[in-house]
């Protein structure tokens, strides 16, 4: 049953390329290994997402909601790649990225 679910979920041209033992666990392991990437690829992904996070800023004319929505992407990716940050780092990055209210001096 699980094999048929996996076969339906994976495109046929990808499924035929997988080298597996014909059991669901073997198919699943092969799929995860194939799409996880090599150690170098994961290292590069981590470096790229860290840099993206470090450089994150709000765009001009972007609403706060839009900025926060965009902010969620690197946060989720960092979680998937097991990149840890303190709660303070998450909050500080977002608060620094949000546009600051300009004060107008009276002359």
PDB file of N, CA and C in Angstrom:
ATOM      1  N   UNK A   1       0.808  -1.189   0.000  1.00  0.00           N
ATOM      2  CA  UNK A   1       0.000   0.000   0.000  1.00  0.00           C
ATOM      3  C   UNK A   1       0.855   1.258   0.000  1.00  0.00           C
ATOM      4  N   UNK A   2       1.880   1.315   0.882  1.00  0.00           N
ATOM      5  CA  UNK A   2       2.737   2.498   0.969  1.00  0.00           C
ATOM      6  C   UNK A   2       3.524   2.700  -0.323  1.00  0.00           C
ATOM      7  N   UNK A   3       3.908   1.624  -0.956  1.00  0.00           N
ATOM      8  CA  UNK A   3       4.649   1.742  -2.214  1.00  0.00           C
ATOM      9  C   UNK A   3       3.784   2.419  -3.263  1.00  0.00           C
ATOM     10  N   UNK A   4       2.524   2.036  -3.350  1.00  0.00           N
ATOM     11  CA  UNK A   4       1.650   2.646  -4.353  1.00  0.00           C
ATOM     12  C   UNK A   4       1.427   4.131  -4.057  1.00  0.00           C
ATOM     13  N   UNK A   5       1.368   4.511  -2.785  1.00  0.00           N
ATOM     14  CA  UNK A   5       1.228   5.929  -2.424  1.00  0.00           C
ATOM     15  C   UNK A   5       2.474   6.698  -2.858  1.00  0.00           C
ATOM     16  N   UNK A   6       3.645   6.129  -2.601  1.00  0.00           N
ATOM     17  CA  UNK A   6       4.887   6.778  -3.020  1.00  0.00           C
ATOM     18  C   UNK A   6       4.970   6.880  -4.542  1.00  0.00           C
ATOM     19  N   UNK A   7       4.547   5.836  -5.241  1.00  0.00           N
ATOM     20  CA  UNK A   7       4.566   5.862  -6.701  1.00  0.00           C
ATOM     21  C   UNK A   7       3.636   6.943  -7.246  1.00  0.00           C
ATOM     22  N   UNK A   8       2.514   7.138  -6.602  1.00  0.00           N
ATOM     23  CA  UNK A   8       1.574   8.168  -7.047  1.00  0.00           C
ATOM     24  C   UNK A   8       2.089   9.572  -6.730  1.00  0.00           C
ATOM     25  N   UNK A   9       2.844   9.699  -5.643  1.00  0.00           N
ATOM     26  CA  UNK A   9       3.319  11.001  -5.202  1.00  0.00           C
ATOM     27  C   UNK A   9       4.538  11.487  -5.982  1.00  0.00           C
ATOM     28  N   UNK A  10       5.315  10.571  -6.508  1.00  0.00           N
ATOM     29  CA  UNK A  10       6.555  10.920  -7.198  1.00  0.00           C
ATOM     30  C   UNK A  10       6.355  10.774  -8.699  1.00  0.00           C
ATOM     31  N   UNK A  11       6.830  11.764  -9.438  1.00  0.00           N
ATOM     32  CA  UNK A  11       6.727  11.687 -10.901  1.00  0.00           C
ATOM     33  C   UNK A  11       7.417  10.425 -11.399  1.00  0.00           C
ATOM     34  N   UNK A  12       6.825   9.832 -12.415  1.00  0.00           N
ATOM     35  CA  UNK A  12       7.328   8.550 -12.923  1.00  0.00           C
ATOM     36  C   UNK A  12       8.764   8.654 -13.417  1.00  0.00           C
ATOM     37  N   UNK A  13       9.119   9.764 -14.080  1.00  0.00           N
ATOM     38  CA  UNK A  13      10.484   9.895 -14.610  1.00  0.00           C
ATOM     39  C   UNK A  13      11.523   9.984 -13.486  1.00  0.00           C
ATOM     40  N   UNK A  14      11.127  10.444 -12.314  1.00  0.00           N
ATOM     41  CA  UNK A  14      12.029  10.458 -11.156  1.00  0.00           C
ATOM     42  C   UNK A  14      12.036   9.085 -10.496  1.00  0.00           C
ATOM     43  N   UNK A  15      10.867   8.503 -10.355  1.00  0.00           N
ATOM     44  CA  UNK A  15      10.740   7.207  -9.674  1.00  0.00           C
ATOM     45  C   UNK A  15      11.576   6.125 -10.354  1.00  0.00           C
ATOM     46  N   UNK A  16      11.601   6.098 -11.679  1.00  0.00           N
ATOM     47  CA  UNK A  16      12.351   5.048 -12.378  1.00  0.00           C
ATOM     48  C   UNK A  16      13.857   5.209 -12.204  1.00  0.00           C
ATOM     49  N   UNK A  17      14.315   6.418 -11.860  1.00  0.00           N
ATOM     50  CA  UNK A  17      15.746   6.639 -11.667  1.00  0.00           C
ATOM     51  C   UNK A  17      16.231   6.219 -10.278  1.00  0.00           C
ATOM     52  N   UNK A  18      15.315   6.008  -9.373  1.00  0.00           N
ATOM     53  CA  UNK A  18      15.685   5.644  -8.010  1.00  0.00           C
ATOM     54  C   UNK A  18      16.143   4.190  -7.939  1.00  0.00           C
ATOM     55  N   UNK A  19      17.238   3.972  -7.243  1.00  0.00           N
ATOM     56  CA  UNK A  19      17.717   2.613  -7.027  1.00  0.00           C
ATOM     57  C   UNK A  19      17.275   2.192  -5.628  1.00  0.00           C
ATOM     58  N   UNK A  20      16.297   1.309  -5.589  1.00  0.00           N
ATOM     59  CA  UNK A  20      15.731   0.899  -4.307  1.00  0.00           C
ATOM     60  C   UNK A  20      15.459  -0.597  -4.327  1.00  0.00           C
ATOM     61  N   UNK A  21      15.100  -1.122  -3.168  1.00  0.00           N
ATOM     62  CA  UNK A  21      14.883  -2.560  -3.010  1.00  0.00           C
ATOM     63  C   UNK A  21      13.431  -2.969  -3.216  1.00  0.00           C
ATOM     64  N   UNK A  22      12.583  -2.040  -3.610  1.00  0.00           N
ATOM     65  CA  UNK A  22      11.182  -2.373  -3.858  1.00  0.00           C
ATOM     66  C   UNK A  22      10.307  -2.371  -2.626  1.00  0.00           C
ATOM     67  N   UNK A  23      10.858  -1.921  -1.512  1.00  0.00           N
ATOM     68  CA  UNK A  23      10.041  -1.792  -0.307  1.00  0.00           C
ATOM     69  C   UNK A  23       9.907  -0.305   0.022  1.00  0.00           C
ATOM     70  N   UNK A  24       8.825   0.039   0.698  1.00  0.00           N
ATOM     71  CA  UNK A  24       8.513   1.444   0.944  1.00  0.00           C
ATOM     72  C   UNK A  24       9.644   2.168   1.673  1.00  0.00           C
ATOM     73  N   UNK A  25      10.209   1.556   2.683  1.00  0.00           N
ATOM     74  CA  UNK A  25      11.283   2.203   3.458  1.00  0.00           C
ATOM     75  C   UNK A  25      12.482   2.496   2.577  1.00  0.00           C
ATOM     76  N   UNK A  26      12.841   1.578   1.711  1.00  0.00           N
ATOM     77  CA  UNK A  26      13.973   1.754   0.807  1.00  0.00           C
ATOM     78  C   UNK A  26      13.700   2.897  -0.185  1.00  0.00           C
ATOM     79  N   UNK A  27      12.494   2.951  -0.694  1.00  0.00           N
ATOM     80  CA  UNK A  27      12.118   4.027  -1.625  1.00  0.00           C
ATOM     81  C   UNK A  27      12.203   5.374  -0.918  1.00  0.00           C
ATOM     82  N   UNK A  28      11.655   5.447   0.297  1.00  0.00           N
ATOM     83  CA  UNK A  28      11.656   6.702   1.055  1.00  0.00           C
ATOM     84  C   UNK A  28      13.083   7.160   1.358  1.00  0.00           C
ATOM     85  N   UNK A  29      13.941   6.240   1.783  1.00  0.00           N
ATOM     86  CA  UNK A  29      15.332   6.572   2.090  1.00  0.00           C
ATOM     87  C   UNK A  29      16.059   7.071   0.846  1.00  0.00           C
ATOM     88  N   UNK A  30      15.838   6.409  -0.267  1.00  0.00           N
ATOM     89  CA  UNK A  30      16.464   6.809  -1.518  1.00  0.00           C
ATOM     90  C   UNK A  30      15.997   8.205  -1.936  1.00  0.00           C
ATOM     91  N   UNK A  31      14.713   8.467  -1.803  1.00  0.00           N
ATOM     92  CA  UNK A  31      14.175   9.787  -2.139  1.00  0.00           C
ATOM     93  C   UNK A  31      14.788  10.885  -1.266  1.00  0.00           C
ATOM     94  N   UNK A  32      14.817  10.660   0.034  1.00  0.00           N
ATOM     95  CA  UNK A  32      15.354  11.686   0.930  1.00  0.00           C
ATOM     96  C   UNK A  32      16.832  11.929   0.671  1.00  0.00           C
ATOM     97  N   UNK A  33      17.589  10.883   0.400  1.00  0.00           N
ATOM     98  CA  UNK A  33      19.014  11.054   0.098  1.00  0.00           C
ATOM     99  C   UNK A  33      19.220  11.808  -1.208  1.00  0.00           C
ATOM    100  N   UNK A  34      18.388  11.497  -2.196  1.00  0.00           N
ATOM    101  CA  UNK A  34      18.525  12.146  -3.501  1.00  0.00           C
ATOM    102  C   UNK A  34      18.247  13.639  -3.416  1.00  0.00           C
ATOM    103  N   UNK A  35      17.226  14.027  -2.680  1.00  0.00           N
ATOM    104  CA  UNK A  35      16.817  15.423  -2.675  1.00  0.00           C
ATOM    105  C   UNK A  35      17.412  16.222  -1.522  1.00  0.00           C
ATOM    106  N   UNK A  36      18.063  15.559  -0.612  1.00  0.00           N
ATOM    107  CA  UNK A  36      18.726  16.257   0.483  1.00  0.00           C
ATOM    108  C   UNK A  36      19.954  17.000  -0.035  1.00  0.00           C
ATOM    109  N   UNK A  37      20.689  16.375  -0.899  1.00  0.00           N
ATOM    110  CA  UNK A  37      21.875  16.998  -1.477  1.00  0.00           C
ATOM    111  C   UNK A  37      23.146  16.503  -0.803  1.00  0.00           C
ATOM    112  N   UNK A  38      24.251  16.807  -1.448  1.00  0.00           N
ATOM    113  CA  UNK A  38      25.552  16.389  -0.921  1.00  0.00           C
ATOM    114  C   UNK A  38      25.946  17.295   0.248  1.00  0.00           C
ATOM    115  N   UNK A  39      26.985  16.904   0.940  1.00  0.00           N
ATOM    116  CA  UNK A  39      27.466  17.699   2.077  1.00  0.00           C
ATOM    117  C   UNK A  39      27.877  19.099   1.625  1.00  0.00           C
ATOM    118  N   UNK A  40      28.540  19.193   0.472  1.00  0.00           N
ATOM    119  CA  UNK A  40      28.942  20.503  -0.045  1.00  0.00           C
ATOM    120  C   UNK A  40      27.728  21.352  -0.402  1.00  0.00           C
ATOM    121  N   UNK A  41      26.723  20.723  -0.973  1.00  0.00           N
ATOM    122  CA  UNK A  41      25.515  21.446  -1.350  1.00  0.00           C
ATOM    123  C   UNK A  41      24.806  21.991  -0.109  1.00  0.00           C
ATOM    124  N   UNK A  42      24.711  21.184   0.924  1.00  0.00           N
ATOM    125  CA  UNK A  42      24.077  21.615   2.165  1.00  0.00           C
ATOM    126  C   UNK A  42      24.880  22.746   2.803  1.00  0.00           C
ATOM    127  N   UNK A  43      26.207  22.623   2.785  1.00  0.00           N
ATOM    128  CA  UNK A  43      27.074  23.670   3.327  1.00  0.00           C
ATOM    129  C   UNK A  43      26.848  24.987   2.582  1.00  0.00           C
ATOM    130  N   UNK A  44      26.755  24.917   1.262  1.00  0.00           N
ATOM    131  CA  UNK A  44      26.519  26.116   0.460  1.00  0.00           C
ATOM    132  C   UNK A  44      25.138  26.707   0.710  1.00  0.00           C
ATOM    133  N   UNK A  45      24.132  25.843   0.851  1.00  0.00           N
ATOM    134  CA  UNK A  45      22.777  26.317   1.168  1.00  0.00           C
ATOM    135  C   UNK A  45      22.765  27.059   2.496  1.00  0.00           C
ATOM    136  N   UNK A  46      23.454  26.495   3.487  1.00  0.00           N
ATOM    137  CA  UNK A  46      23.515  27.124   4.808  1.00  0.00           C
ATOM    138  C   UNK A  46      24.188  28.489   4.724  1.00  0.00           C
ATOM    139  N   UNK A  47      25.297  28.563   4.011  1.00  0.00           N
ATOM    140  CA  UNK A  47      26.018  29.833   3.878  1.00  0.00           C
ATOM    141  C   UNK A  47      25.152  30.876   3.183  1.00  0.00           C
ATOM    142  N   UNK A  48      24.449  30.460   2.147  1.00  0.00           N
ATOM    143  CA  UNK A  48      23.606  31.379   1.387  1.00  0.00           C
ATOM    144  C   UNK A  48      22.435  31.896   2.225  1.00  0.00           C
ATOM    145  N   UNK A  49      21.783  31.026   2.962  1.00  0.00           N
ATOM    146  CA  UNK A  49      20.635  31.453   3.754  1.00  0.00           C
ATOM    147  C   UNK A  49      21.084  32.305   4.941  1.00  0.00           C
ATOM    148  N   UNK A  50      22.255  32.007   5.511  1.00  0.00           N
ATOM    149  CA  UNK A  50      22.789  32.851   6.584  1.00  0.00           C
ATOM    150  C   UNK A  50      23.075  34.261   6.065  1.00  0.00           C
ATOM    151  N   UNK A  51      23.675  34.334   4.885  1.00  0.00           N
ATOM    152  CA  UNK A  51      23.971  35.640   4.293  1.00  0.00           C
ATOM    153  C   UNK A  51      22.682  36.389   3.983  1.00  0.00           C
ATOM    154  N   UNK A  52      21.695  35.679   3.458  1.00  0.00           N
ATOM    155  CA  UNK A  52      20.397  36.280   3.163  1.00  0.00           C
ATOM    156  C   UNK A  52      19.767  36.836   4.435  1.00  0.00           C
ATOM    157  N   UNK A  53      19.861  36.081   5.517  1.00  0.00           N
ATOM    158  CA  UNK A  53      19.313  36.519   6.801  1.00  0.00           C
ATOM    159  C   UNK A  53      20.063  37.756   7.309  1.00  0.00           C
ATOM    160  N   UNK A  54      21.386  37.715   7.236  1.00  0.00           N
ATOM    161  CA  UNK A  54      22.199  38.831   7.728  1.00  0.00           C
ATOM    162  C   UNK A  54      21.934  40.121   6.958  1.00  0.00           C
ATOM    163  N   UNK A  55      21.631  40.004   5.679  1.00  0.00           N
ATOM    164  CA  UNK A  55      21.412  41.180   4.833  1.00  0.00           C
ATOM    165  C   UNK A  55      19.942  41.597   4.756  1.00  0.00           C
ATOM    166  N   UNK A  56      19.081  40.922   5.461  1.00  0.00           N
ATOM    167  CA  UNK A  56      17.650  41.173   5.359  1.00  0.00           C
ATOM    168  C   UNK A  56      17.299  42.591   5.799  1.00  0.00           C
ATOM    169  N   UNK A  57      16.583  43.310   4.955  1.00  0.00           N
ATOM    170  CA  UNK A  57      16.061  44.645   5.261  1.00  0.00           C
ATOM    171  C   UNK A  57      14.700  44.792   4.597  1.00  0.00           C
ATOM    172  N   UNK A  58      13.945  45.759   5.070  1.00  0.00           N
ATOM    173  CA  UNK A  58      12.665  46.067   4.433  1.00  0.00           C
ATOM    174  C   UNK A  58      12.935  46.841   3.146  1.00  0.00           C
ATOM    175  N   UNK A  59      12.104  46.618   2.160  1.00  0.00           N
ATOM    176  CA  UNK A  59      12.207  47.366   0.908  1.00  0.00           C
ATOM    177  C   UNK A  59      11.443  48.671   1.023  1.00  0.00           C
ATOM    178  N   UNK A  60      11.875  49.631   0.258  1.00  0.00           N
ATOM    179  CA  UNK A  60      11.166  50.901   0.221  1.00  0.00           C
ATOM    180  C   UNK A  60       9.745  50.670  -0.305  1.00  0.00           C
ATOM    181  N   UNK A  61       8.780  51.324   0.284  1.00  0.00           N
ATOM    182  CA  UNK A  61       7.360  51.209  -0.078  1.00  0.00           C
ATOM    183  C   UNK A  61       6.774  49.822   0.186  1.00  0.00           C
ATOM    184  N   UNK A  62       7.424  49.036   1.008  1.00  0.00           N
ATOM    185  CA  UNK A  62       6.923  47.720   1.370  1.00  0.00           C
ATOM    186  C   UNK A  62       6.162  47.859   2.689  1.00  0.00           C
ATOM    187  N   UNK A  63       5.023  47.216   2.779  1.00  0.00           N
ATOM    188  CA  UNK A  63       4.271  47.267   4.027  1.00  0.00           C
ATOM    189  C   UNK A  63       4.957  46.395   5.074  1.00  0.00           C
ATOM    190  N   UNK A  64       4.630  46.639   6.322  1.00  0.00           N
ATOM    191  CA  UNK A  64       5.185  45.836   7.413  1.00  0.00           C
ATOM    192  C   UNK A  64       4.795  44.375   7.247  1.00  0.00           C
ATOM    193  N   UNK A  65       3.560  44.126   6.836  1.00  0.00           N
ATOM    194  CA  UNK A  65       3.102  42.751   6.617  1.00  0.00           C
ATOM    195  C   UNK A  65       3.929  42.065   5.534  1.00  0.00           C
ATOM    196  N   UNK A  66       4.209  42.788   4.456  1.00  0.00           N
ATOM    197  CA  UNK A  66       5.007  42.211   3.374  1.00  0.00           C
ATOM    198  C   UNK A  66       6.423  41.888   3.856  1.00  0.00           C
ATOM    199  N   UNK A  67       6.986  42.783   4.660  1.00  0.00           N
ATOM    200  CA  UNK A  67       8.334  42.552   5.198  1.00  0.00           C
ATOM    201  C   UNK A  67       8.346  41.312   6.088  1.00  0.00           C
ATOM    202  N   UNK A  68       7.364  41.212   6.957  1.00  0.00           N
ATOM    203  CA  UNK A  68       7.294  40.060   7.863  1.00  0.00           C
ATOM    204  C   UNK A  68       7.071  38.768   7.080  1.00  0.00           C
ATOM    205  N   UNK A  69       6.228  38.815   6.051  1.00  0.00           N
ATOM    206  CA  UNK A  69       6.022  37.630   5.211  1.00  0.00           C
ATOM    207  C   UNK A  69       7.326  37.193   4.564  1.00  0.00           C
ATOM    208  N   UNK A  70       8.100  38.146   4.053  1.00  0.00           N
ATOM    209  CA  UNK A  70       9.391  37.823   3.443  1.00  0.00           C
ATOM    210  C   UNK A  70      10.380  37.306   4.481  1.00  0.00           C
ATOM    211  N   UNK A  71      10.301  37.858   5.690  1.00  0.00           N
ATOM    212  CA  UNK A  71      11.193  37.456   6.774  1.00  0.00           C
ATOM    213  C   UNK A  71      10.976  35.987   7.147  1.00  0.00           C
ATOM    214  N   UNK A  72       9.757  35.527   7.036  1.00  0.00           N
ATOM    215  CA  UNK A  72       9.434  34.139   7.399  1.00  0.00           C
ATOM    216  C   UNK A  72      10.181  33.128   6.522  1.00  0.00           C
ATOM    217  N   UNK A  73      10.455  33.480   5.276  1.00  0.00           N
ATOM    218  CA  UNK A  73      11.138  32.538   4.379  1.00  0.00           C
ATOM    219  C   UNK A  73      12.521  32.149   4.902  1.00  0.00           C
ATOM    220  N   UNK A  74      13.425  33.109   5.165  1.00  0.00           N
ATOM    221  CA  UNK A  74      14.732  32.674   5.674  1.00  0.00           C
ATOM    222  C   UNK A  74      14.639  32.003   7.045  1.00  0.00           C
ATOM    223  N   UNK A  75      13.689  32.426   7.870  1.00  0.00           N
ATOM    224  CA  UNK A  75      13.526  31.795   9.183  1.00  0.00           C
ATOM    225  C   UNK A  75      13.161  30.320   9.018  1.00  0.00           C
ATOM    226  N   UNK A  76      12.212  30.022   8.138  1.00  0.00           N
ATOM    227  CA  UNK A  76      11.818  28.626   7.901  1.00  0.00           C
ATOM    228  C   UNK A  76      12.959  27.818   7.290  1.00  0.00           C
ATOM    229  N   UNK A  77      13.655  28.419   6.329  1.00  0.00           N
ATOM    230  CA  UNK A  77      14.777  27.722   5.693  1.00  0.00           C
ATOM    231  C   UNK A  77      15.882  27.415   6.699  1.00  0.00           C
ATOM    232  N   UNK A  78      16.155  28.367   7.577  1.00  0.00           N
ATOM    233  CA  UNK A  78      17.185  28.136   8.595  1.00  0.00           C
ATOM    234  C   UNK A  78      16.763  27.011   9.535  1.00  0.00           C
ATOM    235  N   UNK A  79      15.483  26.941   9.844  1.00  0.00           N
ATOM    236  CA  UNK A  79      14.989  25.844  10.664  1.00  0.00           C
ATOM    237  C   UNK A  79      15.153  24.504   9.977  1.00  0.00           C
ATOM    238  N   UNK A  80      14.849  24.465   8.680  1.00  0.00           N
ATOM    239  CA  UNK A  80      15.011  23.210   7.920  1.00  0.00           C
ATOM    240  C   UNK A  80      16.462  22.762   7.858  1.00  0.00           C
ATOM    241  N   UNK A  81      17.371  23.749   7.811  1.00  0.00           N
ATOM    242  CA  UNK A  81      18.798  23.433   7.712  1.00  0.00           C
ATOM    243  C   UNK A  81      19.454  23.335   9.087  1.00  0.00           C
ATOM    244  N   UNK A  82      18.635  23.375  10.130  1.00  0.00           N
ATOM    245  CA  UNK A  82      19.106  23.234  11.509  1.00  0.00           C
ATOM    246  C   UNK A  82      20.113  24.323  11.886  1.00  0.00           C
ATOM    247  N   UNK A  83      19.842  25.544  11.448  1.00  0.00           N
ATOM    248  CA  UNK A  83      20.660  26.705  11.826  1.00  0.00           C
ATOM    249  C   UNK A  83      19.981  27.340  13.026  1.00  0.00           C
ATOM    250  N   UNK A  84      20.713  27.420  14.117  1.00  0.00           N
ATOM    251  CA  UNK A  84      20.152  27.909  15.377  1.00  0.00           C
ATOM    252  C   UNK A  84      20.472  29.383  15.580  1.00  0.00           C
ATOM    253  N   UNK A  85      19.513  30.104  16.133  1.00  0.00           N
ATOM    254  CA  UNK A  85      19.677  31.498  16.550  1.00  0.00           C
ATOM    255  C   UNK A  85      18.970  31.650  17.891  1.00  0.00           C
ATOM    256  N   UNK A  86      19.478  32.542  18.709  1.00  0.00           N
ATOM    257  CA  UNK A  86      18.786  32.870  19.952  1.00  0.00           C
ATOM    258  C   UNK A  86      17.528  33.657  19.620  1.00  0.00           C
ATOM    259  N   UNK A  87      16.549  33.596  20.510  1.00  0.00           N
ATOM    260  CA  UNK A  87      15.316  34.365  20.296  1.00  0.00           C
ATOM    261  C   UNK A  87      15.621  35.847  20.107  1.00  0.00           C
ATOM    262  N   UNK A  88      16.585  36.353  20.858  1.00  0.00           N
ATOM    263  CA  UNK A  88      16.956  37.768  20.734  1.00  0.00           C
ATOM    264  C   UNK A  88      17.467  38.098  19.334  1.00  0.00           C
ATOM    265  N   UNK A  89      18.225  37.183  18.739  1.00  0.00           N
ATOM    266  CA  UNK A  89      18.744  37.414  17.385  1.00  0.00           C
ATOM    267  C   UNK A  89      17.618  37.504  16.362  1.00  0.00           C
ATOM    268  N   UNK A  90      16.611  36.610  16.495  1.00  0.00           N
ATOM    269  CA  UNK A  90      15.468  36.635  15.570  1.00  0.00           C
ATOM    270  C   UNK A  90      14.738  37.977  15.670  1.00  0.00           C
ATOM    271  N   UNK A  91      14.465  38.382  16.910  1.00  0.00           N
ATOM    272  CA  UNK A  91      13.711  39.610  17.148  1.00  0.00           C
ATOM    273  C   UNK A  91      14.511  40.832  16.715  1.00  0.00           C
ATOM    274  N   UNK A  92      15.794  40.867  17.075  1.00  0.00           N
ATOM    275  CA  UNK A  92      16.630  42.014  16.708  1.00  0.00           C
ATOM    276  C   UNK A  92      16.721  42.189  15.199  1.00  0.00           C
ATOM    277  N   UNK A  93      16.867  41.094  14.484  1.00  0.00           N
ATOM    278  CA  UNK A  93      16.989  41.185  13.021  1.00  0.00           C
ATOM    279  C   UNK A  93      15.720  41.765  12.418  1.00  0.00           C
ATOM    280  N   UNK A  94      14.588  41.282  12.858  1.00  0.00           N
ATOM    281  CA  UNK A  94      13.325  41.784  12.315  1.00  0.00           C
ATOM    282  C   UNK A  94      13.105  43.244  12.699  1.00  0.00           C
ATOM    283  N   UNK A  95      13.357  43.580  13.938  1.00  0.00           N
ATOM    284  CA  UNK A  95      13.131  44.966  14.356  1.00  0.00           C
ATOM    285  C   UNK A  95      14.099  45.926  13.662  1.00  0.00           C
ATOM    286  N   UNK A  96      15.333  45.493  13.429  1.00  0.00           N
ATOM    287  CA  UNK A  96      16.291  46.335  12.698  1.00  0.00           C
ATOM    288  C   UNK A  96      15.893  46.494  11.231  1.00  0.00           C
ATOM    289  N   UNK A  97      15.245  45.480  10.691  1.00  0.00           N
ATOM    290  CA  UNK A  97      14.871  45.510   9.280  1.00  0.00           C
ATOM    291  C   UNK A  97      13.668  46.409   9.015  1.00  0.00           C
ATOM    292  N   UNK A  98      12.803  46.530  10.009  1.00  0.00           N
ATOM    293  CA  UNK A  98      11.596  47.339   9.809  1.00  0.00           C
ATOM    294  C   UNK A  98      11.952  48.807   9.691  1.00  0.00           C
ATOM    295  N   UNK A  99      11.233  49.531   8.825  1.00  0.00           N
ATOM    296  CA  UNK A  99      11.538  50.958   8.673  1.00  0.00           C
ATOM    297  C   UNK A  99      11.262  51.704   9.974  1.00  0.00           C
ATOM    298  N   UNK A 100      12.160  52.601  10.299  1.00  0.00           N
ATOM    299  CA  UNK A 100      12.013  53.393  11.506  1.00  0.00           C
ATOM    300  C   UNK A 100      11.225  54.657  11.193  1.00  0.00           C
ATOM    301  N   UNK A 101      10.389  55.048  12.126  1.00  0.00           N
ATOM    302  CA  UNK A 101       9.590  56.259  11.936  1.00  0.00           C
ATOM    303  C   UNK A 101      10.530  57.460  11.960  1.00  0.00           C
ATOM    304  N   UNK A 102      10.357  58.310  10.972  1.00  0.00           N
ATOM    305  CA  UNK A 102      11.195  59.503  10.891  1.00  0.00           C
ATOM    306  C   UNK A 102      10.623  60.569  11.814  1.00  0.00           C
ATOM    307  N   UNK A 103      11.513  61.213  12.523  1.00  0.00           N
ATOM    308  CA  UNK A 103      11.064  62.317  13.376  1.00  0.00           C
ATOM    309  C   UNK A 103      11.270  63.621  12.631  1.00  0.00           C
ATOM    310  N   UNK A 104      10.358  64.503  12.759  1.00  0.00           N
ATOM    311  CA  UNK A 104      10.430  65.792  12.082  1.00  0.00           C
ATOM    312  C   UNK A 104      10.736  66.867  13.117  1.00  0.00           C
ATOM    313  N   UNK A 105      11.817  67.557  12.895  1.00  0.00           N
ATOM    314  CA  UNK A 105      12.171  68.628  13.802  1.00  0.00           C
ATOM    315  C   UNK A 105      11.435  69.897  13.404  1.00  0.00           C
ATOM    316  N   UNK A 106      10.988  70.607  14.404  1.00  0.00           N
ATOM    317  CA  UNK A 106      10.344  71.880  14.141  1.00  0.00           C
ATOM    318  C   UNK A 106      11.405  72.961  14.141  1.00  0.00           C
ATOM    319  N   UNK A 107      11.331  73.796  13.149  1.00  0.00           N
ATOM    320  CA  UNK A 107      12.291  74.875  13.042  1.00  0.00           C
ATOM    321  C   UNK A 107      11.665  76.176  13.480  1.00  0.00           C
TER     322      UNK A 107
END
